[in-house]
Amino acid sequence: MVLFEGVVGLGIACLLAPAIAEYAKMRNKADKGFGWIAVAGVMFLFSGASDATTTLFGTGGYLAGLPVAMLFEIVGWLFALIGTIFVGYEVLVEK
């Protein structure tokens, strides 16, 4: 059973990553990178919320809602990429 799917699930996963890293005592090694990943999770949730309101209000919302949802998703992907690069770099340099 799929609990969350699409960008909402991706947003929740990105928000859970810093929490799990904190639990595993790994977040202090790459705090800046996990911050970027958390911001990416918020952007993905904004994208899912914009897409849901577009679907909820029908065809009139497509003019404004769909480009906004796509913009949040693209910015979320960029933040997730930057965060992943920061985490990888900071963990490898710490070693």
N, C-alpha and C. Protein backbone atom coordinates (compact mmCIF):
# COMPACT_ATOMS: atom_id res chain seq x y z
N MET A 1 0.84 -1.17 0.00
CA MET A 1 0.00 0.00 0.00
C MET A 1 0.89 1.25 0.00
N VAL A 2 0.62 2.13 -0.92
CA VAL A 2 1.40 3.35 -1.02
C VAL A 2 0.75 4.42 -0.15
N LEU A 3 1.50 4.91 0.81
CA LEU A 3 0.96 5.92 1.71
C LEU A 3 1.01 7.30 1.06
N PHE A 4 2.17 7.67 0.54
CA PHE A 4 2.33 8.94 -0.16
C PHE A 4 3.02 8.64 -1.48
N GLU A 5 2.57 9.30 -2.52
CA GLU A 5 3.24 9.10 -3.80
C GLU A 5 3.43 10.44 -4.48
N GLY A 6 4.31 10.47 -5.44
CA GLY A 6 4.57 11.70 -6.17
C GLY A 6 5.48 12.63 -5.40
N VAL A 7 5.30 13.92 -5.64
CA VAL A 7 6.19 14.90 -5.02
C VAL A 7 5.93 15.04 -3.53
N VAL A 8 4.74 14.71 -3.07
CA VAL A 8 4.46 14.78 -1.63
C VAL A 8 5.29 13.72 -0.90
N GLY A 9 5.34 12.53 -1.44
CA GLY A 9 6.17 11.49 -0.85
C GLY A 9 7.65 11.83 -0.89
N LEU A 10 8.07 12.45 -1.97
CA LEU A 10 9.46 12.88 -2.09
C LEU A 10 9.78 13.97 -1.08
N GLY A 11 8.83 14.88 -0.86
CA GLY A 11 9.02 15.93 0.13
C GLY A 11 9.13 15.38 1.54
N ILE A 12 8.28 14.41 1.85
CA ILE A 12 8.33 13.79 3.18
C ILE A 12 9.63 13.02 3.36
N ALA A 13 10.09 12.36 2.31
CA ALA A 13 11.36 11.64 2.40
C ALA A 13 12.53 12.60 2.61
N CYS A 14 12.50 13.74 1.92
CA CYS A 14 13.57 14.73 2.10
C CYS A 14 13.53 15.36 3.49
N LEU A 15 12.34 15.48 4.06
CA LEU A 15 12.26 16.01 5.42
C LEU A 15 12.64 14.96 6.47
N LEU A 16 12.45 13.69 6.15
CA LEU A 16 12.85 12.63 7.08
C LEU A 16 14.35 12.38 7.08
N ALA A 17 15.03 12.71 5.98
CA ALA A 17 16.47 12.44 5.88
C ALA A 17 17.27 13.14 6.97
N PRO A 18 17.08 14.44 7.22
CA PRO A 18 17.84 15.06 8.33
C PRO A 18 17.46 14.50 9.70
N ALA A 19 16.21 14.12 9.88
CA ALA A 19 15.79 13.56 11.17
C ALA A 19 16.45 12.21 11.41
N ILE A 20 16.51 11.39 10.38
CA ILE A 20 17.16 10.08 10.52
C ILE A 20 18.67 10.25 10.69
N ALA A 21 19.24 11.23 9.99
CA ALA A 21 20.68 11.50 10.15
C ALA A 21 20.98 12.00 11.56
N GLU A 22 20.09 12.78 12.13
CA GLU A 22 20.27 13.23 13.52
C GLU A 22 20.21 12.05 14.48
N TYR A 23 19.28 11.13 14.23
CA TYR A 23 19.15 9.94 15.07
C TYR A 23 20.39 9.06 14.96
N ALA A 24 20.99 8.99 13.77
CA ALA A 24 22.17 8.16 13.55
C ALA A 24 23.47 8.88 13.91
N LYS A 25 23.37 10.08 14.49
CA LYS A 25 24.53 10.88 14.89
C LYS A 25 25.43 11.21 13.70
N MET A 26 24.82 11.44 12.53
CA MET A 26 25.58 11.76 11.34
C MET A 26 25.35 13.20 10.87
N ARG A 27 24.34 13.85 11.39
CA ARG A 27 23.99 15.18 10.91
C ARG A 27 25.06 16.22 11.25
N ASN A 28 25.74 16.07 12.38
CA ASN A 28 26.74 17.07 12.76
C ASN A 28 27.94 17.07 11.82
N LYS A 29 28.16 15.98 11.08
CA LYS A 29 29.24 15.94 10.10
C LYS A 29 28.92 16.77 8.87
N ALA A 30 27.65 16.83 8.49
CA ALA A 30 27.25 17.51 7.25
C ALA A 30 25.98 18.32 7.49
N ASP A 31 26.06 19.25 8.42
CA ASP A 31 24.87 20.01 8.80
C ASP A 31 24.35 20.89 7.67
N LYS A 32 25.25 21.53 6.94
CA LYS A 32 24.84 22.43 5.86
C LYS A 32 24.11 21.65 4.75
N GLY A 33 24.63 20.48 4.39
CA GLY A 33 24.01 19.68 3.33
C GLY A 33 22.63 19.19 3.72
N PHE A 34 22.46 18.77 4.97
CA PHE A 34 21.14 18.31 5.40
C PHE A 34 20.15 19.46 5.50
N GLY A 35 20.65 20.66 5.74
CA GLY A 35 19.77 21.84 5.70
C GLY A 35 19.23 22.07 4.30
N TRP A 36 20.09 21.93 3.29
CA TRP A 36 19.65 22.08 1.90
C TRP A 36 18.63 21.00 1.54
N ILE A 37 18.84 19.77 2.01
CA ILE A 37 17.90 18.69 1.71
C ILE A 37 16.56 18.95 2.38
N ALA A 38 16.56 19.50 3.59
CA ALA A 38 15.31 19.83 4.26
C ALA A 38 14.55 20.92 3.51
N VAL A 39 15.26 21.91 3.01
CA VAL A 39 14.61 22.97 2.22
C VAL A 39 14.04 22.37 0.92
N ALA A 40 14.74 21.42 0.34
CA ALA A 40 14.22 20.74 -0.85
C ALA A 40 12.92 20.01 -0.52
N GLY A 41 12.85 19.40 0.66
CA GLY A 41 11.62 18.73 1.07
C GLY A 41 10.46 19.69 1.20
N VAL A 42 10.72 20.87 1.73
CA VAL A 42 9.67 21.89 1.83
C VAL A 42 9.22 22.33 0.44
N MET A 43 10.16 22.49 -0.48
CA MET A 43 9.79 22.87 -1.85
C MET A 43 8.95 21.80 -2.52
N PHE A 44 9.29 20.53 -2.30
CA PHE A 44 8.49 19.45 -2.87
C PHE A 44 7.08 19.44 -2.28
N LEU A 45 6.96 19.72 -0.99
CA LEU A 45 5.62 19.79 -0.40
C LEU A 45 4.84 20.97 -0.95
N PHE A 46 5.50 22.11 -1.17
CA PHE A 46 4.83 23.25 -1.81
C PHE A 46 4.36 22.88 -3.21
N SER A 47 5.18 22.13 -3.94
CA SER A 47 4.81 21.70 -5.28
C SER A 47 3.59 20.79 -5.25
N GLY A 48 3.57 19.87 -4.31
CA GLY A 48 2.41 18.99 -4.17
C GLY A 48 1.16 19.73 -3.77
N ALA A 49 1.30 20.72 -2.90
CA ALA A 49 0.14 21.51 -2.49
C ALA A 49 -0.37 22.37 -3.63
N SER A 50 0.53 22.94 -4.43
CA SER A 50 0.11 23.75 -5.58
C SER A 50 -0.59 22.88 -6.61
N ASP A 51 -0.07 21.67 -6.82
CA ASP A 51 -0.69 20.75 -7.77
C ASP A 51 -2.06 20.30 -7.28
N ALA A 52 -2.19 20.08 -5.97
CA ALA A 52 -3.48 19.65 -5.42
C ALA A 52 -4.52 20.75 -5.53
N THR A 53 -4.15 21.99 -5.30
CA THR A 53 -5.13 23.08 -5.43
C THR A 53 -5.50 23.29 -6.89
N THR A 54 -4.57 23.06 -7.80
CA THR A 54 -4.89 23.16 -9.22
C THR A 54 -5.93 22.11 -9.59
N THR A 55 -5.76 20.90 -9.12
CA THR A 55 -6.70 19.83 -9.41
C THR A 55 -8.03 20.08 -8.70
N LEU A 56 -7.98 20.63 -7.50
CA LEU A 56 -9.19 20.85 -6.72
C LEU A 56 -10.10 21.89 -7.34
N PHE A 57 -9.52 22.97 -7.84
CA PHE A 57 -10.33 24.07 -8.36
C PHE A 57 -10.63 23.96 -9.84
N GLY A 58 -10.22 22.89 -10.49
CA GLY A 58 -10.61 22.65 -11.87
C GLY A 58 -9.72 23.34 -12.89
N THR A 59 -10.26 23.52 -14.08
CA THR A 59 -9.45 23.99 -15.21
C THR A 59 -9.05 25.44 -15.07
N GLY A 60 -9.79 26.25 -14.33
CA GLY A 60 -9.43 27.65 -14.17
C GLY A 60 -8.12 27.85 -13.44
N GLY A 61 -7.74 26.90 -12.60
CA GLY A 61 -6.51 27.03 -11.85
C GLY A 61 -5.28 26.61 -12.61
N TYR A 62 -5.44 25.99 -13.77
CA TYR A 62 -4.27 25.51 -14.51
C TYR A 62 -3.40 26.64 -15.02
N LEU A 63 -3.98 27.78 -15.26
CA LEU A 63 -3.16 28.89 -15.78
C LEU A 63 -2.15 29.36 -14.75
N ALA A 64 -2.52 29.35 -13.48
CA ALA A 64 -1.61 29.83 -12.45
C ALA A 64 -0.98 28.70 -11.64
N GLY A 65 -1.71 27.63 -11.39
CA GLY A 65 -1.25 26.60 -10.48
C GLY A 65 -0.19 25.69 -11.04
N LEU A 66 -0.34 25.26 -12.28
CA LEU A 66 0.59 24.29 -12.84
C LEU A 66 2.01 24.85 -12.99
N PRO A 67 2.19 26.05 -13.54
CA PRO A 67 3.57 26.58 -13.60
C PRO A 67 4.18 26.81 -12.23
N VAL A 68 3.38 27.18 -11.25
CA VAL A 68 3.90 27.37 -9.90
C VAL A 68 4.36 26.04 -9.32
N ALA A 69 3.55 24.99 -9.52
CA ALA A 69 3.93 23.66 -9.02
C ALA A 69 5.21 23.18 -9.70
N MET A 70 5.32 23.41 -10.99
CA MET A 70 6.53 23.00 -11.71
C MET A 70 7.75 23.79 -11.24
N LEU A 71 7.56 25.08 -10.96
CA LEU A 71 8.66 25.90 -10.47
C LEU A 71 9.16 25.41 -9.12
N PHE A 72 8.23 25.13 -8.20
CA PHE A 72 8.62 24.60 -6.90
C PHE A 72 9.33 23.25 -7.03
N GLU A 73 8.87 22.41 -7.96
CA GLU A 73 9.49 21.11 -8.13
C GLU A 73 10.90 21.24 -8.69
N ILE A 74 11.10 22.12 -9.65
CA ILE A 74 12.44 22.31 -10.21
C ILE A 74 13.39 22.88 -9.16
N VAL A 75 12.93 23.86 -8.40
CA VAL A 75 13.77 24.43 -7.33
C VAL A 75 14.07 23.37 -6.28
N GLY A 76 13.08 22.51 -5.97
CA GLY A 76 13.30 21.43 -5.01
C GLY A 76 14.36 20.46 -5.49
N TRP A 77 14.32 20.11 -6.79
CA TRP A 77 15.33 19.20 -7.33
C TRP A 77 16.72 19.83 -7.26
N LEU A 78 16.81 21.12 -7.56
CA LEU A 78 18.11 21.79 -7.48
C LEU A 78 18.64 21.81 -6.05
N PHE A 79 17.77 22.13 -5.08
CA PHE A 79 18.19 22.13 -3.68
C PHE A 79 18.59 20.74 -3.22
N ALA A 80 17.86 19.72 -3.65
CA ALA A 80 18.21 18.35 -3.27
C ALA A 80 19.56 17.95 -3.87
N LEU A 81 19.81 18.35 -5.10
CA LEU A 81 21.10 18.05 -5.72
C LEU A 81 22.24 18.75 -5.00
N ILE A 82 22.07 20.02 -4.70
CA ILE A 82 23.10 20.77 -3.98
C ILE A 82 23.33 20.17 -2.60
N GLY A 83 22.25 19.82 -1.90
CA GLY A 83 22.37 19.22 -0.58
C GLY A 83 23.08 17.88 -0.60
N THR A 84 22.77 17.07 -1.62
CA THR A 84 23.42 15.76 -1.73
C THR A 84 24.91 15.92 -2.00
N ILE A 85 25.26 16.88 -2.85
CA ILE A 85 26.67 17.13 -3.12
C ILE A 85 27.38 17.61 -1.85
N PHE A 86 26.74 18.52 -1.08
CA PHE A 86 27.33 18.99 0.17
C PHE A 86 27.52 17.86 1.17
N VAL A 87 26.51 17.00 1.32
CA VAL A 87 26.62 15.89 2.27
C VAL A 87 27.74 14.95 1.85
N GLY A 88 27.78 14.59 0.59
CA GLY A 88 28.85 13.70 0.11
C GLY A 88 30.22 14.29 0.32
N TYR A 89 30.37 15.56 -0.01
CA TYR A 89 31.68 16.22 0.15
C TYR A 89 32.08 16.33 1.62
N GLU A 90 31.14 16.76 2.46
CA GLU A 90 31.49 16.96 3.87
C GLU A 90 31.77 15.64 4.58
N VAL A 91 31.09 14.58 4.20
CA VAL A 91 31.35 13.28 4.82
C VAL A 91 32.69 12.73 4.35
N LEU A 92 33.01 12.91 3.07
CA LEU A 92 34.29 12.40 2.56
C LEU A 92 35.48 13.20 3.10
N VAL A 93 35.31 14.51 3.27
CA VAL A 93 36.40 15.34 3.79
C VAL A 93 36.60 15.05 5.28
N GLU A 94 35.52 14.78 5.99
CA GLU A 94 35.61 14.48 7.42
C GLU A 94 36.40 13.19 7.65
N LYS A 95 36.33 12.28 6.73
CA LYS A 95 37.00 11.00 6.88
C LYS A 95 38.48 11.21 6.84
